[in-house]
N, C-alpha and C. Protein backbone atom coordinates (compact mmCIF):
# COMPACT_ATOMS: atom_id res chain seq x y z
N MET A 1 236.26 179.82 38.96
CA MET A 1 234.91 179.64 38.52
C MET A 1 234.13 180.92 38.87
N SER A 2 233.47 181.50 37.91
CA SER A 2 232.71 182.73 38.09
C SER A 2 231.23 182.40 38.26
N ASP A 3 230.64 183.05 39.26
CA ASP A 3 229.20 182.84 39.51
C ASP A 3 228.47 184.12 39.12
N ASP A 4 227.44 183.99 38.28
CA ASP A 4 226.70 185.15 37.81
C ASP A 4 225.68 185.66 38.82
N ARG A 5 225.42 184.91 39.86
CA ARG A 5 224.46 185.35 40.87
C ARG A 5 225.13 186.37 41.79
N PRO A 6 224.51 187.54 41.99
CA PRO A 6 225.16 188.59 42.78
C PRO A 6 225.27 188.28 44.27
N PHE A 7 224.40 187.43 44.80
CA PHE A 7 224.40 187.15 46.23
C PHE A 7 224.78 185.69 46.50
N ALA A 8 225.65 185.14 45.71
CA ALA A 8 225.96 183.71 45.78
C ALA A 8 226.56 183.31 47.12
N GLY A 9 227.45 184.12 47.69
CA GLY A 9 228.14 183.72 48.91
C GLY A 9 227.41 184.09 50.19
N LEU A 10 226.33 184.84 50.09
CA LEU A 10 225.61 185.30 51.27
C LEU A 10 224.60 184.27 51.75
N PRO A 11 224.28 184.30 53.06
CA PRO A 11 223.27 183.34 53.56
C PRO A 11 221.89 183.68 53.01
N LEU A 12 221.02 182.69 53.04
CA LEU A 12 219.66 182.88 52.55
C LEU A 12 218.92 183.88 53.43
N ARG A 13 218.06 184.71 52.81
CA ARG A 13 217.26 185.68 53.56
C ARG A 13 216.07 185.04 54.24
N SER A 14 215.56 184.00 53.68
CA SER A 14 214.41 183.33 54.28
C SER A 14 214.57 181.83 54.16
N VAL A 15 213.98 181.16 55.10
CA VAL A 15 214.03 179.71 55.13
C VAL A 15 212.60 179.21 55.10
N PRO A 16 212.28 178.28 54.23
CA PRO A 16 210.91 177.76 54.21
C PRO A 16 210.56 177.12 55.55
N GLU A 17 209.38 177.43 56.04
CA GLU A 17 208.94 176.89 57.32
C GLU A 17 208.12 175.63 57.09
N THR A 18 208.44 174.60 57.82
CA THR A 18 207.67 173.37 57.68
C THR A 18 206.37 173.47 58.45
N ARG A 19 206.40 174.14 59.59
CA ARG A 19 205.19 174.37 60.39
C ARG A 19 205.29 175.76 60.99
N PRO A 20 204.67 176.77 60.37
CA PRO A 20 204.87 178.15 60.80
C PRO A 20 204.33 178.50 62.18
N THR A 21 203.30 177.86 62.65
CA THR A 21 202.72 178.23 63.93
C THR A 21 202.12 177.01 64.61
N ARG A 22 201.95 177.14 65.92
CA ARG A 22 201.31 176.05 66.66
C ARG A 22 199.80 176.12 66.58
N LEU A 23 199.28 177.30 66.22
CA LEU A 23 197.83 177.45 66.11
C LEU A 23 197.30 176.62 64.95
N PRO A 24 196.12 176.05 65.12
CA PRO A 24 195.51 175.36 63.97
C PRO A 24 195.31 176.34 62.82
N ARG A 25 195.19 175.83 61.66
CA ARG A 25 195.20 176.63 60.44
C ARG A 25 194.10 177.70 60.38
N ASP A 26 192.90 177.40 60.85
CA ASP A 26 191.78 178.33 60.72
C ASP A 26 191.68 179.34 61.87
N TRP A 27 192.50 179.24 62.89
CA TRP A 27 192.35 180.11 64.05
C TRP A 27 192.64 181.56 63.72
N PHE A 28 193.46 181.83 62.73
CA PHE A 28 193.75 183.22 62.38
C PHE A 28 192.48 183.92 61.90
N VAL A 29 191.61 183.20 61.23
CA VAL A 29 190.34 183.78 60.79
C VAL A 29 189.49 184.13 62.00
N TYR A 30 189.40 183.22 62.96
CA TYR A 30 188.60 183.47 64.16
C TYR A 30 189.18 184.61 64.98
N LEU A 31 190.50 184.65 65.12
CA LEU A 31 191.13 185.74 65.86
C LEU A 31 190.92 187.07 65.16
N SER A 32 190.94 187.08 63.85
CA SER A 32 190.69 188.31 63.11
C SER A 32 189.29 188.84 63.36
N VAL A 33 188.32 187.95 63.42
CA VAL A 33 186.94 188.36 63.69
C VAL A 33 186.84 188.96 65.09
N VAL A 34 187.49 188.34 66.06
CA VAL A 34 187.45 188.86 67.43
C VAL A 34 188.09 190.25 67.49
N VAL A 35 189.22 190.42 66.83
CA VAL A 35 189.90 191.72 66.84
C VAL A 35 189.06 192.77 66.12
N PHE A 36 188.41 192.40 65.03
CA PHE A 36 187.56 193.33 64.30
C PHE A 36 186.39 193.80 65.16
N VAL A 37 185.75 192.87 65.86
CA VAL A 37 184.62 193.23 66.72
C VAL A 37 185.10 194.09 67.88
N ALA A 38 186.25 193.75 68.47
CA ALA A 38 186.78 194.55 69.57
C ALA A 38 187.10 195.97 69.11
N GLY A 39 187.64 196.10 67.92
CA GLY A 39 187.91 197.43 67.37
C GLY A 39 186.64 198.23 67.13
N ALA A 40 185.61 197.56 66.66
CA ALA A 40 184.33 198.25 66.43
C ALA A 40 183.73 198.71 67.75
N VAL A 41 183.81 197.88 68.77
CA VAL A 41 183.29 198.26 70.09
C VAL A 41 184.09 199.44 70.65
N ALA A 42 185.41 199.42 70.50
CA ALA A 42 186.24 200.52 70.98
C ALA A 42 185.91 201.82 70.26
N THR A 43 185.63 201.73 68.96
CA THR A 43 185.28 202.92 68.19
C THR A 43 183.96 203.51 68.68
N VAL A 44 182.98 202.66 68.93
CA VAL A 44 181.68 203.14 69.43
C VAL A 44 181.84 203.77 70.81
N ARG A 45 182.63 203.14 71.66
CA ARG A 45 182.84 203.69 73.01
C ARG A 45 183.55 205.04 72.95
N THR A 46 184.52 205.18 72.05
CA THR A 46 185.20 206.46 71.91
C THR A 46 184.24 207.53 71.42
N TRP A 47 183.38 207.18 70.50
CA TRP A 47 182.38 208.12 69.99
C TRP A 47 181.44 208.56 71.11
N ARG A 48 180.97 207.60 71.90
CA ARG A 48 180.07 207.94 73.01
C ARG A 48 180.78 208.80 74.05
N SER A 49 182.04 208.52 74.30
CA SER A 49 182.81 209.31 75.25
C SER A 49 182.97 210.74 74.76
N ALA A 50 183.26 210.90 73.48
CA ALA A 50 183.41 212.25 72.91
C ALA A 50 182.11 213.03 73.02
N ARG A 51 181.01 212.38 72.71
CA ARG A 51 179.71 213.06 72.80
C ARG A 51 179.36 213.44 74.24
N ALA A 52 179.75 212.58 75.18
CA ALA A 52 179.46 212.87 76.58
C ALA A 52 180.31 214.03 77.11
N TRP A 53 181.53 214.17 76.61
CA TRP A 53 182.42 215.23 77.07
C TRP A 53 182.08 216.59 76.46
N MET A 54 181.43 216.64 75.34
CA MET A 54 181.18 217.92 74.66
C MET A 54 180.50 218.96 75.55
N PRO A 55 179.43 218.63 76.28
CA PRO A 55 178.82 219.66 77.13
C PRO A 55 179.68 220.04 78.34
N VAL A 56 180.52 219.11 78.80
CA VAL A 56 181.32 219.35 80.00
C VAL A 56 182.60 220.11 79.68
N ASP A 57 183.39 219.57 78.74
CA ASP A 57 184.66 220.18 78.34
C ASP A 57 184.85 219.95 76.85
N ARG A 58 184.62 220.97 76.08
CA ARG A 58 184.65 220.84 74.62
C ARG A 58 186.01 220.38 74.11
N VAL A 59 187.10 220.84 74.71
CA VAL A 59 188.45 220.45 74.26
C VAL A 59 188.65 218.95 74.41
N LYS A 60 188.24 218.39 75.54
CA LYS A 60 188.37 216.94 75.72
C LYS A 60 187.48 216.18 74.74
N GLY A 61 186.31 216.71 74.46
CA GLY A 61 185.43 216.06 73.50
C GLY A 61 186.02 216.06 72.10
N VAL A 62 186.59 217.20 71.69
CA VAL A 62 187.21 217.28 70.37
C VAL A 62 188.44 216.39 70.30
N PHE A 63 189.19 216.32 71.38
CA PHE A 63 190.37 215.44 71.42
C PHE A 63 189.95 213.98 71.20
N ARG A 64 188.87 213.57 71.84
CA ARG A 64 188.40 212.20 71.65
C ARG A 64 187.84 211.98 70.24
N LEU A 65 187.26 213.00 69.67
CA LEU A 65 186.82 212.89 68.27
C LEU A 65 188.00 212.71 67.33
N ALA A 66 189.12 213.36 67.66
CA ALA A 66 190.31 213.20 66.84
C ALA A 66 190.80 211.76 66.86
N TRP A 67 190.58 211.06 67.97
CA TRP A 67 190.95 209.65 68.04
C TRP A 67 190.15 208.79 67.08
N LEU A 68 189.00 209.25 66.69
CA LEU A 68 188.13 208.47 65.80
C LEU A 68 188.56 208.55 64.33
N VAL A 69 189.41 209.49 64.00
CA VAL A 69 189.80 209.66 62.60
C VAL A 69 190.49 208.41 62.07
N VAL A 70 191.43 207.87 62.81
CA VAL A 70 192.19 206.71 62.34
C VAL A 70 191.31 205.47 62.20
N PRO A 71 190.52 205.09 63.21
CA PRO A 71 189.67 203.90 63.01
C PRO A 71 188.65 204.07 61.89
N VAL A 72 188.07 205.27 61.76
CA VAL A 72 187.08 205.47 60.71
C VAL A 72 187.73 205.39 59.34
N LEU A 73 188.91 205.99 59.18
CA LEU A 73 189.62 205.88 57.90
C LEU A 73 190.03 204.44 57.61
N GLY A 74 190.46 203.73 58.65
CA GLY A 74 190.82 202.32 58.47
C GLY A 74 189.63 201.47 58.06
N LEU A 75 188.49 201.73 58.69
CA LEU A 75 187.29 200.99 58.33
C LEU A 75 186.85 201.33 56.90
N ALA A 76 186.94 202.59 56.53
CA ALA A 76 186.58 202.99 55.16
C ALA A 76 187.51 202.34 54.14
N ALA A 77 188.80 202.29 54.46
CA ALA A 77 189.76 201.64 53.55
C ALA A 77 189.48 200.15 53.44
N THR A 78 189.12 199.53 54.54
CA THR A 78 188.81 198.09 54.51
C THR A 78 187.56 197.82 53.67
N VAL A 79 186.53 198.62 53.87
CA VAL A 79 185.31 198.45 53.09
C VAL A 79 185.58 198.68 51.61
N ALA A 80 186.39 199.70 51.29
CA ALA A 80 186.72 199.98 49.89
C ALA A 80 187.51 198.83 49.28
N ALA A 81 188.45 198.28 50.02
CA ALA A 81 189.27 197.16 49.50
C ALA A 81 188.41 195.93 49.28
N VAL A 82 187.54 195.62 50.24
CA VAL A 82 186.67 194.45 50.09
C VAL A 82 185.72 194.64 48.92
N SER A 83 185.19 195.85 48.77
CA SER A 83 184.29 196.13 47.64
C SER A 83 185.02 195.98 46.31
N ALA A 84 186.26 196.47 46.25
CA ALA A 84 187.04 196.36 45.01
C ALA A 84 187.31 194.90 44.67
N VAL A 85 187.58 194.09 45.68
CA VAL A 85 187.84 192.68 45.42
C VAL A 85 186.58 191.97 44.98
N LEU A 86 185.45 192.29 45.61
CA LEU A 86 184.20 191.62 45.24
C LEU A 86 183.70 192.02 43.88
N VAL A 87 183.96 193.26 43.48
CA VAL A 87 183.51 193.73 42.16
C VAL A 87 184.40 193.16 41.05
N ALA A 88 185.66 192.99 41.34
CA ALA A 88 186.63 192.55 40.30
C ALA A 88 186.36 191.16 39.80
C-alpha cells in the first residue's frame, strides 16, 4: 500500500493542547501591560543616566545612549504596527 503523504511514518510535530497554561485566560494581557510599563520605566532611567554621565564621562554617556537605540526602535515598530492595524 502506497501512501502519498511524505511524512506518513513520522511522529506528529505538534499535539493539540487541552489546557495550555495554568494562568487564567486574561492574565497574559495584564502581564503584557506590566512588562510594557517596566520597559518604559527602564528606558526613561537609561536616558536619565546617559544625560547625567555626559558632563562627567562622555564615553559612558554615549555608551548608555547606545543602549537606548533598541528600545526606541522597538517602541517605534510597535507604534507603527498598531497604527497599521487600526488604520486597516
